[in-house]
Amino acid sequence: MQPVVETLDGLERRIEVSVALANVEKQVKDELKRVARTAKAPGFRPGKVPMAMLERSHGPGVRYEVINREVGKVLQESLEATGLRVAGQPSLQAKTEGVPDDTLAFDVTFEVYPEIELPDLSSVEVKRAVCEVTDGEIDRTLQILREQRAEYTAEEGRSATDNDQVKIDFVGKIDDVAFDGGTAEDFPFVLGKGRMLAEFEAAVRGMKAGEEKTFPLTFPEDYPGKEVAGKTAQFTVTVKEVGRPELPEVNEAFAKQLGQAEGNVQKLLDDIRQNLEREVESRLSARTKDSVMQAMLDRATFDVPKALVESEIQTRVQAAREELKQRGLPNADTVPIPPETFAEEAARRVKLGLMIAELINKAALQAKPEQVRAKIEKFAKNYEQPEQVVSYYLSDRQRRAEIEAVVLEDNVVDHVLAQAKVSQEAVEFEKLMGQGAAA
C-alpha cells in the first residue's frame, strides 16, 4: 500500500509506519526458542531452562531488537514506495492515538532533497580573471630573492630605514605591568617587511644604535594574542645595532645557490618566469572558478535540507579540532567551538554542492580516466621525478580521488564558461599574489 506523505515545513515530510504486534510476538517466541537450545541457568542443564524464565531474562532485549528490525524494514519499504530521496536520518515518534491495540505505529519525520532547476547558462554572467607576467614581475621576484639572502653590516650613526636590520631590546607594559611576549633582548628584524606591527616599526624607523624611545601602541582587536588584543601598551625600545643590507650579485654563484646547477643566470631567470607563470595560472583559475561557482549559487532558488547543513557544520567543527591538535593545543577535543560559526558557510557549501551535482548529472561532466591522468601528469612536472609521482597517484585510490574531484570542478567550470556570458577581469599581479594588501 502506498504510504500517505504529509508535507510539513519546507522540505520536511511525514509518513506513518506500523507493525502488527502478533508478528512481533511470533518472532520473539522464535528467537527465544533459538536461545533456549543453549541457554544456561543455575539449577538447570544447558538447553533445559524453562521458557517462562527465558522470557523474564531475555524477553525484553529480544523484543526490543525485533521491534527495531521490523520497524526498520517497514520504514525502508515505505520510503522506497514514496519515491522520495531522503536527506539525513529520519526521526521516529511513537503514536498511540487512534492506533489499534494489536498494532505498533510510528510517525516518521524526514527531509527530502529539493527539486533543483538549473539556470539557463547562456544568461549567466561570469568573469574570467587574466594577468600577464611581465619582465617587471621577474625583476621584482629576483629582487625579493636577493633580499632574502642579504647580509647586514652594522654601521655606527646610521638611522634605521626600510630594509635595514635592527637589533633591539624592548619591554612592553600594560597598566605598568609587563605581559607575556612583550619583552625581548637582542631581537633582530628587518624594517618594512611587516614582521612587527606597523606602529612598532614606525617608532623604530629613524632611530640609531644607542638610542632609546618609549611610545604607546594599541593592539588590534583581532590580534592573535587575546590577552592583549584591543589594549594599549607602553613600549620602551633600545636600539643595539642598525645593519645596512648588502645584496648578493646576480651571477653564477647566486644562480647555483638558487638551485640552478649550471650556474646559468639566464636559465635561472627562465625558471623564475616559468614558476611565476605556473603560479599565476593556478591563481587565475581559482578566481575564475570562484566567479563561476558564485554565479551558479546566485541562481539557486531552492531550500537545502537542514540535516545536510548540520552534517556539514559538524564536519567543519571536527576539522577545526584537528587543526587545533596539529597546533599542539592540549584541550583540542573539549575546547568550545560554536557550531553557529560555520552555519552560513555550511549552508552555502551544501547548496552549491547540490546544484553542481545536478549540473554534472544533467550534462554528463563526470571525470574521465584520461582527464585524471593528464591532470596528474601536469601536477607531477613540479617534481624532480615526475614518473614516480604519476605512479603514486594512480595506484593510491584516495589520492586519485582527490585529483578526480579537481577534474570534476574543471569540467563544471569549462562547461559554464562555454555557455555563459564571459567578460575578462584584469587582475594586478601584486593583488593576485596577495602582495601589497596593507597598502
Protein backbone atom coordinates (compact mmCIF):
# COMPACT_ATOMS: atom_id res chain seq x y z
CA MET A 1 0.00 0.00 0.00
CA GLN A 2 1.32 3.42 -0.97
CA PRO A 3 2.06 5.41 2.22
CA VAL A 4 0.44 8.81 2.63
CA VAL A 5 3.09 11.55 2.61
CA GLU A 6 2.28 14.66 4.63
CA THR A 7 4.14 17.84 3.68
CA LEU A 8 5.27 19.82 6.70
CA ASP A 9 7.52 22.90 6.68
CA GLY A 10 9.84 23.36 3.70
CA LEU A 11 11.48 20.05 2.83
CA GLU A 12 10.08 18.16 5.84
CA ARG A 13 7.76 15.25 5.21
CA ARG A 14 5.92 12.80 7.46
CA ILE A 15 4.56 9.30 6.97
CA GLU A 16 3.11 6.69 9.32
CA VAL A 17 4.52 3.18 9.62
CA SER A 18 3.15 0.31 11.65
CA VAL A 19 3.84 -3.30 12.51
CA ALA A 20 1.48 -5.97 13.82
CA LEU A 21 2.14 -6.97 17.42
CA ALA A 22 1.24 -10.56 16.55
CA ASN A 23 4.07 -10.68 14.04
CA VAL A 24 6.45 -9.18 16.60
CA GLU A 25 5.46 -11.70 19.28
CA LYS A 26 5.81 -14.61 16.85
CA GLN A 27 9.37 -13.55 16.02
CA VAL A 28 10.14 -13.02 19.73
CA LYS A 29 8.97 -16.59 20.50
CA ASP A 30 11.01 -18.00 17.62
CA GLU A 31 14.09 -16.12 18.84
CA LEU A 32 13.58 -17.29 22.45
CA LYS A 33 13.28 -20.89 21.24
CA ARG A 34 16.59 -20.50 19.45
CA VAL A 35 18.16 -19.04 22.61
CA ALA A 36 16.68 -21.87 24.70
CA ARG A 37 18.74 -24.50 22.89
CA THR A 38 21.97 -23.30 24.53
CA ALA A 39 20.74 -21.15 27.43
CA LYS A 40 22.22 -21.78 30.87
CA ALA A 41 20.77 -21.01 34.31
CA PRO A 42 21.60 -22.16 37.87
CA GLY A 43 19.89 -25.49 38.62
CA PHE A 44 19.17 -26.34 35.00
CA ARG A 45 21.06 -28.25 32.41
CA PRO A 46 22.04 -26.36 29.23
CA GLY A 47 19.04 -26.20 26.91
CA LYS A 48 16.56 -27.09 29.67
CA VAL A 49 15.86 -23.58 31.07
CA PRO A 50 12.07 -23.03 31.31
CA MET A 51 10.61 -20.72 28.65
CA ALA A 52 8.96 -18.54 31.32
CA MET A 53 12.36 -17.89 32.89
CA LEU A 54 13.88 -17.05 29.50
CA GLU A 55 11.00 -14.67 28.83
CA ARG A 56 11.83 -12.78 32.04
CA SER A 57 15.60 -12.71 31.45
CA HIS A 58 15.86 -12.38 27.66
CA GLY A 59 12.39 -11.33 26.54
CA PRO A 60 12.75 -7.50 26.86
CA GLY A 61 16.04 -7.40 24.97
CA VAL A 62 14.85 -9.76 22.24
CA ARG A 63 11.58 -7.84 21.87
CA TYR A 64 13.46 -4.54 21.53
CA GLU A 65 15.67 -5.97 18.79
CA VAL A 66 12.72 -7.48 16.91
CA ILE A 67 10.71 -4.24 17.03
CA ASN A 68 13.70 -2.24 15.79
CA ARG A 69 14.30 -4.70 12.98
CA GLU A 70 10.66 -4.86 11.88
CA VAL A 71 10.09 -1.11 12.10
CA GLY A 72 13.31 -0.53 10.15
CA LYS A 73 12.21 -2.97 7.47
CA VAL A 74 8.75 -1.43 7.11
CA LEU A 75 10.25 2.07 7.14
CA GLN A 76 12.68 1.22 4.37
CA GLU A 77 9.89 -0.30 2.24
CA SER A 78 7.64 2.70 2.87
CA LEU A 79 10.34 5.24 1.97
CA GLU A 80 11.14 3.34 -1.22
CA ALA A 81 7.45 3.28 -2.09
CA THR A 82 7.21 7.08 -1.82
CA GLY A 83 9.92 7.52 -4.45
CA LEU A 84 11.36 10.38 -2.39
CA ARG A 85 15.09 10.98 -1.88
CA VAL A 86 15.55 11.16 1.87
CA ALA A 87 18.15 13.56 3.21
CA GLY A 88 19.60 12.74 6.60
CA GLN A 89 18.30 10.37 9.27
CA PRO A 90 14.51 10.01 9.74
CA SER A 91 13.07 10.71 13.18
CA LEU A 92 10.54 8.26 14.71
CA GLN A 93 7.87 9.20 17.26
CA ALA A 94 5.63 6.52 18.81
CA LYS A 95 1.94 7.03 18.00
CA THR A 96 -0.90 5.92 20.30
CA GLU A 97 -3.97 7.95 19.41
CA GLY A 98 -6.28 6.09 17.03
CA VAL A 99 -3.95 3.08 16.90
CA PRO A 100 -5.48 -0.42 17.44
CA ASP A 101 -4.24 -2.38 20.46
CA ASP A 102 -2.73 -5.04 18.22
CA THR A 103 -0.54 -2.57 16.32
CA LEU A 104 2.64 -0.57 16.91
CA ALA A 105 2.63 2.70 14.97
CA PHE A 106 5.13 5.50 14.49
CA ASP A 107 5.12 8.93 12.89
CA VAL A 108 8.28 9.21 10.79
CA THR A 109 9.54 12.71 10.03
CA PHE A 110 12.29 13.26 7.49
CA GLU A 111 13.65 15.75 4.97
CA VAL A 112 13.85 15.25 1.24
CA TYR A 113 16.30 16.53 -1.34
CA PRO A 114 14.99 19.60 -3.16
CA GLU A 115 13.93 19.72 -6.77
CA ILE A 116 16.69 21.65 -8.48
CA GLU A 117 16.02 23.71 -11.57
CA LEU A 118 19.24 24.61 -13.33
CA PRO A 119 19.51 28.14 -14.76
CA ASP A 120 19.80 28.95 -18.45
CA LEU A 121 23.59 29.12 -18.60
CA SER A 122 23.50 31.48 -21.58
CA SER A 123 22.09 34.13 -19.25
CA VAL A 124 24.69 33.61 -16.52
CA GLU A 125 27.40 36.27 -16.27
CA VAL A 126 30.87 35.28 -15.09
CA LYS A 127 34.31 36.86 -15.06
CA ARG A 128 37.46 35.22 -16.36
CA ALA A 129 40.49 36.54 -14.47
CA VAL A 130 43.54 37.46 -16.55
CA CYS A 131 47.03 38.62 -15.57
CA GLU A 132 50.25 38.90 -17.57
CA VAL A 133 53.65 38.02 -16.15
CA THR A 134 55.92 40.83 -17.39
CA ASP A 135 59.66 41.43 -17.12
CA GLY A 136 58.86 43.75 -14.22
CA GLU A 137 57.46 40.83 -12.20
CA ILE A 138 60.57 38.80 -12.95
CA ASP A 139 62.79 41.68 -11.77
CA ARG A 140 60.76 42.17 -8.60
CA THR A 141 60.87 38.47 -7.80
CA LEU A 142 64.61 38.42 -8.38
CA GLN A 143 64.96 41.40 -6.03
CA ILE A 144 62.97 39.57 -3.33
CA LEU A 145 65.23 36.53 -3.71
CA ARG A 146 68.28 38.79 -3.31
CA GLU A 147 66.81 40.48 -0.23
CA GLN A 148 66.07 37.10 1.34
CA ARG A 149 69.79 36.32 1.06
CA ALA A 150 71.04 39.71 2.16
CA GLU A 151 73.89 40.10 4.62
CA TYR A 152 73.86 43.02 7.04
CA THR A 153 76.76 45.21 8.09
CA ALA A 154 76.38 47.24 11.28
CA GLU A 155 77.02 50.96 10.84
CA GLU A 156 77.52 53.41 13.68
CA GLY A 157 75.36 56.51 13.43
CA ARG A 158 73.11 55.00 10.74
CA SER A 159 69.43 55.93 11.02
CA ALA A 160 67.27 52.84 10.65
CA THR A 161 65.31 52.76 7.43
CA ASP A 162 63.32 50.20 5.48
CA ASN A 163 65.29 47.06 4.54
CA ASP A 164 67.78 47.70 7.36
CA GLN A 165 68.13 45.04 10.00
CA VAL A 166 67.83 46.42 13.53
CA LYS A 167 68.75 44.62 16.73
CA ILE A 168 66.78 45.86 19.74
CA ASP A 169 65.86 45.32 23.36
CA PHE A 170 62.23 46.08 24.19
CA VAL A 171 59.85 45.93 27.13
CA GLY A 172 56.07 46.28 26.78
CA LYS A 173 53.79 47.03 29.72
CA ILE A 174 50.03 47.34 30.16
CA ASP A 175 48.97 49.31 33.26
CA ASP A 176 52.65 49.35 34.18
CA VAL A 177 52.81 45.53 34.27
CA ALA A 178 54.94 43.58 31.76
CA PHE A 179 52.97 40.98 29.78
CA ASP A 180 53.97 37.64 28.27
CA GLY A 181 55.65 38.02 24.90
CA GLY A 182 56.20 41.74 25.38
CA THR A 183 59.88 41.59 26.37
CA ALA A 184 62.97 40.60 24.38
CA GLU A 185 66.70 41.23 24.19
CA ASP A 186 68.93 41.38 21.10
CA PHE A 187 65.84 40.91 18.96
CA PRO A 188 66.60 41.28 15.22
CA PHE A 189 64.14 42.14 12.49
CA VAL A 190 64.18 43.83 9.10
CA LEU A 191 62.25 47.09 8.85
CA GLY A 192 59.50 47.36 6.28
CA LYS A 193 58.79 43.63 5.99
CA GLY A 194 55.73 43.63 8.24
CA ARG A 195 57.13 41.29 10.86
CA MET A 196 56.21 43.78 13.59
CA LEU A 197 53.06 45.88 13.89
CA ALA A 198 53.16 49.00 11.72
CA GLU A 199 53.11 51.34 14.76
CA PHE A 200 56.08 49.50 16.25
CA GLU A 201 58.09 49.76 13.04
CA ALA A 202 57.17 53.44 12.68
CA ALA A 203 58.57 54.14 16.16
CA VAL A 204 61.86 52.34 15.42
CA ARG A 205 62.30 53.87 11.98
CA GLY A 206 64.92 56.64 12.11
CA MET A 207 66.49 55.52 15.41
CA LYS A 208 70.23 54.93 15.75
CA ALA A 209 72.29 52.47 17.77
CA GLY A 210 72.32 53.52 21.44
CA GLU A 211 69.04 55.45 21.30
CA GLU A 212 66.02 54.66 23.47
CA LYS A 213 62.37 55.53 22.93
CA THR A 214 59.12 54.99 24.84
CA PHE A 215 55.85 55.04 22.91
CA PRO A 216 52.25 53.81 23.16
CA LEU A 217 50.96 51.00 20.95
CA THR A 218 47.34 49.85 20.70
CA PHE A 219 46.96 46.21 19.70
CA PRO A 220 44.30 45.45 17.06
CA GLU A 221 41.03 43.95 18.27
CA ASP A 222 41.74 40.82 16.20
CA TYR A 223 45.34 40.44 17.42
CA PRO A 224 46.21 36.73 17.87
CA GLY A 225 47.30 37.31 21.48
CA LYS A 226 43.85 37.52 23.04
CA GLU A 227 45.21 38.73 26.39
CA VAL A 228 46.44 41.97 24.83
CA ALA A 229 44.04 42.36 21.86
CA GLY A 230 42.45 45.82 21.83
CA LYS A 231 44.59 47.07 24.71
CA THR A 232 47.17 49.86 24.73
CA ALA A 233 50.70 49.11 25.90
CA GLN A 234 53.71 51.31 26.61
CA PHE A 235 56.84 50.05 24.90
CA THR A 236 60.41 51.05 25.69
CA VAL A 237 62.81 50.22 22.85
CA THR A 238 66.61 50.41 22.91
CA VAL A 239 68.38 50.07 19.57
CA LYS A 240 71.54 47.99 19.87
CA GLU A 241 72.56 47.86 16.21
CA VAL A 242 71.49 49.07 12.75
CA GLY A 243 72.68 46.93 9.84
CA ARG A 244 72.88 48.07 6.23
CA PRO A 245 71.80 45.39 3.73
CA GLU A 246 74.28 44.05 1.21
CA LEU A 247 72.54 42.14 -1.57
CA PRO A 248 74.28 39.34 -3.46
CA GLU A 249 75.14 39.95 -7.08
CA VAL A 250 73.17 38.10 -9.74
CA ASN A 251 75.94 35.88 -11.01
CA GLU A 252 76.89 32.23 -11.38
CA ALA A 253 77.27 31.69 -7.61
CA PHE A 254 73.86 33.23 -6.94
CA ALA A 255 72.22 31.06 -9.62
CA LYS A 256 73.77 27.91 -8.10
CA GLN A 257 72.61 29.00 -4.64
CA LEU A 258 69.05 29.03 -6.01
CA GLY A 259 69.33 25.52 -7.42
CA GLN A 260 70.45 26.24 -11.00
CA ALA A 261 73.13 23.54 -11.15
CA GLU A 262 74.94 25.03 -14.13
CA GLY A 263 75.06 28.50 -12.63
CA ASN A 264 73.40 29.84 -15.78
CA VAL A 265 71.78 33.18 -14.91
CA GLN A 266 69.54 33.21 -17.99
CA LYS A 267 68.23 29.75 -17.15
CA LEU A 268 67.62 30.97 -13.61
CA LEU A 269 65.52 33.84 -14.98
CA ASP A 270 63.68 31.40 -17.25
CA ASP A 271 62.94 29.16 -14.26
CA ILE A 272 61.63 32.15 -12.30
CA ARG A 273 59.34 33.09 -15.19
CA GLN A 274 58.04 29.53 -15.56
CA ASN A 275 57.37 29.24 -11.83
CA LEU A 276 55.58 32.58 -11.75
CA GLU A 277 53.51 31.74 -14.82
CA ARG A 278 52.54 28.39 -13.28
CA GLU A 279 51.52 30.05 -10.02
CA VAL A 280 49.66 32.84 -11.82
CA GLU A 281 47.80 30.29 -13.93
CA SER A 282 46.76 28.41 -10.80
CA ARG A 283 45.53 31.54 -9.03
CA LEU A 284 43.72 32.86 -12.09
CA SER A 285 42.00 29.50 -12.45
CA ALA A 286 40.92 29.63 -8.81
CA ARG A 287 39.50 33.16 -9.18
CA THR A 288 37.63 32.23 -12.35
CA LYS A 289 36.25 29.12 -10.65
CA ASP A 290 35.06 31.24 -7.71
CA SER A 291 33.28 33.53 -10.16
CA VAL A 292 31.57 30.58 -11.84
CA MET A 293 30.52 28.98 -8.55
CA GLN A 294 29.20 32.26 -7.16
CA ALA A 295 27.24 32.90 -10.36
CA MET A 296 25.65 29.47 -10.07
CA LEU A 297 24.94 29.98 -6.38
CA ASP A 298 23.28 33.32 -7.09
CA ARG A 299 20.82 31.50 -9.36
CA ALA A 300 19.95 28.84 -6.78
CA THR A 301 16.33 29.22 -5.66
CA PHE A 302 15.80 26.02 -3.68
CA ASP A 303 15.88 25.25 0.04
CA VAL A 304 18.57 22.99 1.48
CA PRO A 305 17.93 20.11 3.89
CA LYS A 306 18.74 21.13 7.47
CA ALA A 307 20.16 17.67 8.12
CA LEU A 308 22.79 18.11 5.40
CA VAL A 309 23.72 21.55 6.70
CA GLU A 310 24.04 20.20 10.23
CA SER A 311 26.26 17.37 8.97
CA GLU A 312 28.46 19.88 7.15
CA ILE A 313 28.70 22.01 10.30
CA GLN A 314 29.85 19.02 12.33
CA THR A 315 32.43 18.20 9.66
CA ARG A 316 33.78 21.76 9.86
CA VAL A 317 33.86 21.67 13.67
CA GLN A 318 35.79 18.40 13.60
CA ALA A 319 38.22 19.81 11.05
CA ALA A 320 38.76 22.82 13.32
CA ARG A 321 39.55 20.49 16.23
CA GLU A 322 42.03 18.56 14.11
CA GLU A 323 43.74 21.80 13.18
CA LEU A 324 43.96 22.77 16.86
CA LYS A 325 45.51 19.38 17.61
CA GLN A 326 48.13 19.92 14.92
CA ARG A 327 48.96 23.24 16.55
CA GLY A 328 49.55 21.44 19.82
CA LEU A 329 46.54 22.70 21.79
CA PRO A 330 46.20 20.27 24.73
CA ASN A 331 42.40 20.54 25.11
CA ALA A 332 41.53 20.50 21.40
CA ASP A 333 38.89 17.77 21.95
CA THR A 334 36.96 19.79 24.54
CA VAL A 335 37.57 23.46 23.75
CA PRO A 336 34.22 25.13 22.89
CA ILE A 337 33.76 25.68 19.16
CA PRO A 338 30.40 27.39 18.50
CA PRO A 339 28.69 25.49 15.64
CA GLU A 340 26.93 28.68 14.52
CA THR A 341 30.33 29.99 13.44
CA PHE A 342 30.15 27.65 10.45
CA ALA A 343 26.38 27.79 9.80
CA GLU A 344 26.37 30.30 6.94
CA GLU A 345 29.31 28.77 5.10
CA ALA A 346 27.93 25.25 5.64
CA ALA A 347 24.59 26.21 4.09
CA ARG A 348 26.42 27.79 1.16
CA ARG A 349 28.57 24.70 0.56
CA VAL A 350 25.58 22.35 0.71
CA LYS A 351 23.51 24.47 -1.67
CA LEU A 352 26.37 24.81 -4.14
CA GLY A 353 27.18 21.11 -3.88
CA LEU A 354 23.60 20.10 -4.69
CA MET A 355 23.44 22.46 -7.65
CA ILE A 356 26.79 21.36 -9.08
CA ALA A 357 25.89 17.68 -8.62
CA GLU A 358 22.71 18.27 -10.60
CA LEU A 359 24.66 20.00 -13.38
CA ILE A 360 27.20 17.17 -13.50
CA ASN A 361 24.47 14.58 -13.90
CA LYS A 362 22.44 16.54 -16.44
CA ALA A 363 25.44 17.49 -18.61
CA ALA A 364 27.43 14.25 -18.09
CA LEU A 365 30.50 16.05 -16.75
CA GLN A 366 31.97 13.12 -14.82
CA ALA A 367 35.77 12.91 -14.73
CA LYS A 368 37.19 10.65 -17.45
CA PRO A 369 40.26 8.45 -16.77
CA GLU A 370 42.30 10.22 -19.44
CA GLN A 371 41.48 13.60 -17.88
CA VAL A 372 42.60 12.38 -14.46
CA ARG A 373 45.87 11.06 -15.83
CA ALA A 374 46.55 14.28 -17.74
CA LYS A 375 45.94 16.32 -14.60
CA ILE A 376 48.27 14.10 -12.58
CA GLU A 377 51.00 14.31 -15.22
CA LYS A 378 50.73 18.10 -15.27
CA PHE A 379 50.93 18.25 -11.49
CA ALA A 380 53.89 15.83 -11.45
CA LYS A 381 56.00 18.20 -13.57
CA ASN A 382 56.64 20.19 -10.38
CA TYR A 383 58.76 17.33 -9.01
CA GLU A 384 62.22 16.04 -9.86
CA GLN A 385 60.95 12.53 -10.66
CA PRO A 386 57.51 13.07 -12.19
CA GLU A 387 57.06 9.46 -13.27
CA GLN A 388 57.16 8.32 -9.62
CA VAL A 389 54.56 10.93 -8.69
CA VAL A 390 52.28 9.75 -11.51
CA SER A 391 52.62 6.13 -10.41
CA TYR A 392 51.92 7.04 -6.79
CA TYR A 393 48.73 8.96 -7.56
CA LEU A 394 47.41 6.37 -9.99
CA SER A 395 47.99 3.50 -7.55
CA ASP A 396 46.58 5.25 -4.45
CA ARG A 397 42.78 5.34 -4.53
CA GLN A 398 42.44 8.24 -2.09
CA ARG A 399 44.99 10.42 -3.94
CA ARG A 400 43.42 9.57 -7.26
CA ALA A 401 40.02 10.55 -5.89
CA GLU A 402 41.43 13.94 -4.90
CA ILE A 403 42.55 14.55 -8.48
CA GLU A 404 39.21 13.31 -9.82
CA ALA A 405 37.47 15.94 -7.67
CA VAL A 406 39.69 18.64 -9.17
CA VAL A 407 38.97 17.42 -12.71
CA LEU A 408 35.25 17.39 -11.91
CA GLU A 409 35.42 21.05 -10.85
CA ASP A 410 37.40 21.88 -14.00
CA ASN A 411 34.73 20.20 -16.14
CA VAL A 412 31.98 22.22 -14.47
CA VAL A 413 33.88 25.49 -14.91
CA ASP A 414 34.69 24.77 -18.56
CA HIS A 415 31.08 23.80 -19.25
CA VAL A 416 29.71 27.01 -17.74
CA LEU A 417 32.33 29.19 -19.42
CA ALA A 418 31.48 27.67 -22.80
CA GLN A 419 27.86 28.78 -22.48
CA ALA A 420 27.78 31.78 -20.15
CA LYS A 421 28.32 35.47 -20.82
CA VAL A 422 32.04 35.76 -20.05
CA SER A 423 33.89 39.02 -19.50
CA GLN A 424 37.57 39.40 -18.74
CA GLU A 425 38.69 40.77 -15.40
CA ALA A 426 42.25 42.12 -15.38
CA VAL A 427 43.93 41.46 -12.03
CA GLU A 428 47.10 43.21 -10.96
CA PHE A 429 49.99 40.85 -10.30
CA GLU A 430 50.55 42.11 -6.74
CA LYS A 431 46.87 41.72 -5.89
CA LEU A 432 46.72 38.27 -7.43
CA MET A 433 49.76 37.10 -5.47
CA GLY A 434 48.49 38.61 -2.23
CA GLN A 435 51.10 41.36 -2.08
CA GLY A 436 50.55 44.96 -1.13
CA ALA A 437 47.42 44.17 0.89
CA ALA A 438 48.42 46.55 3.67
CA ALA A 439 48.55 49.47 1.26
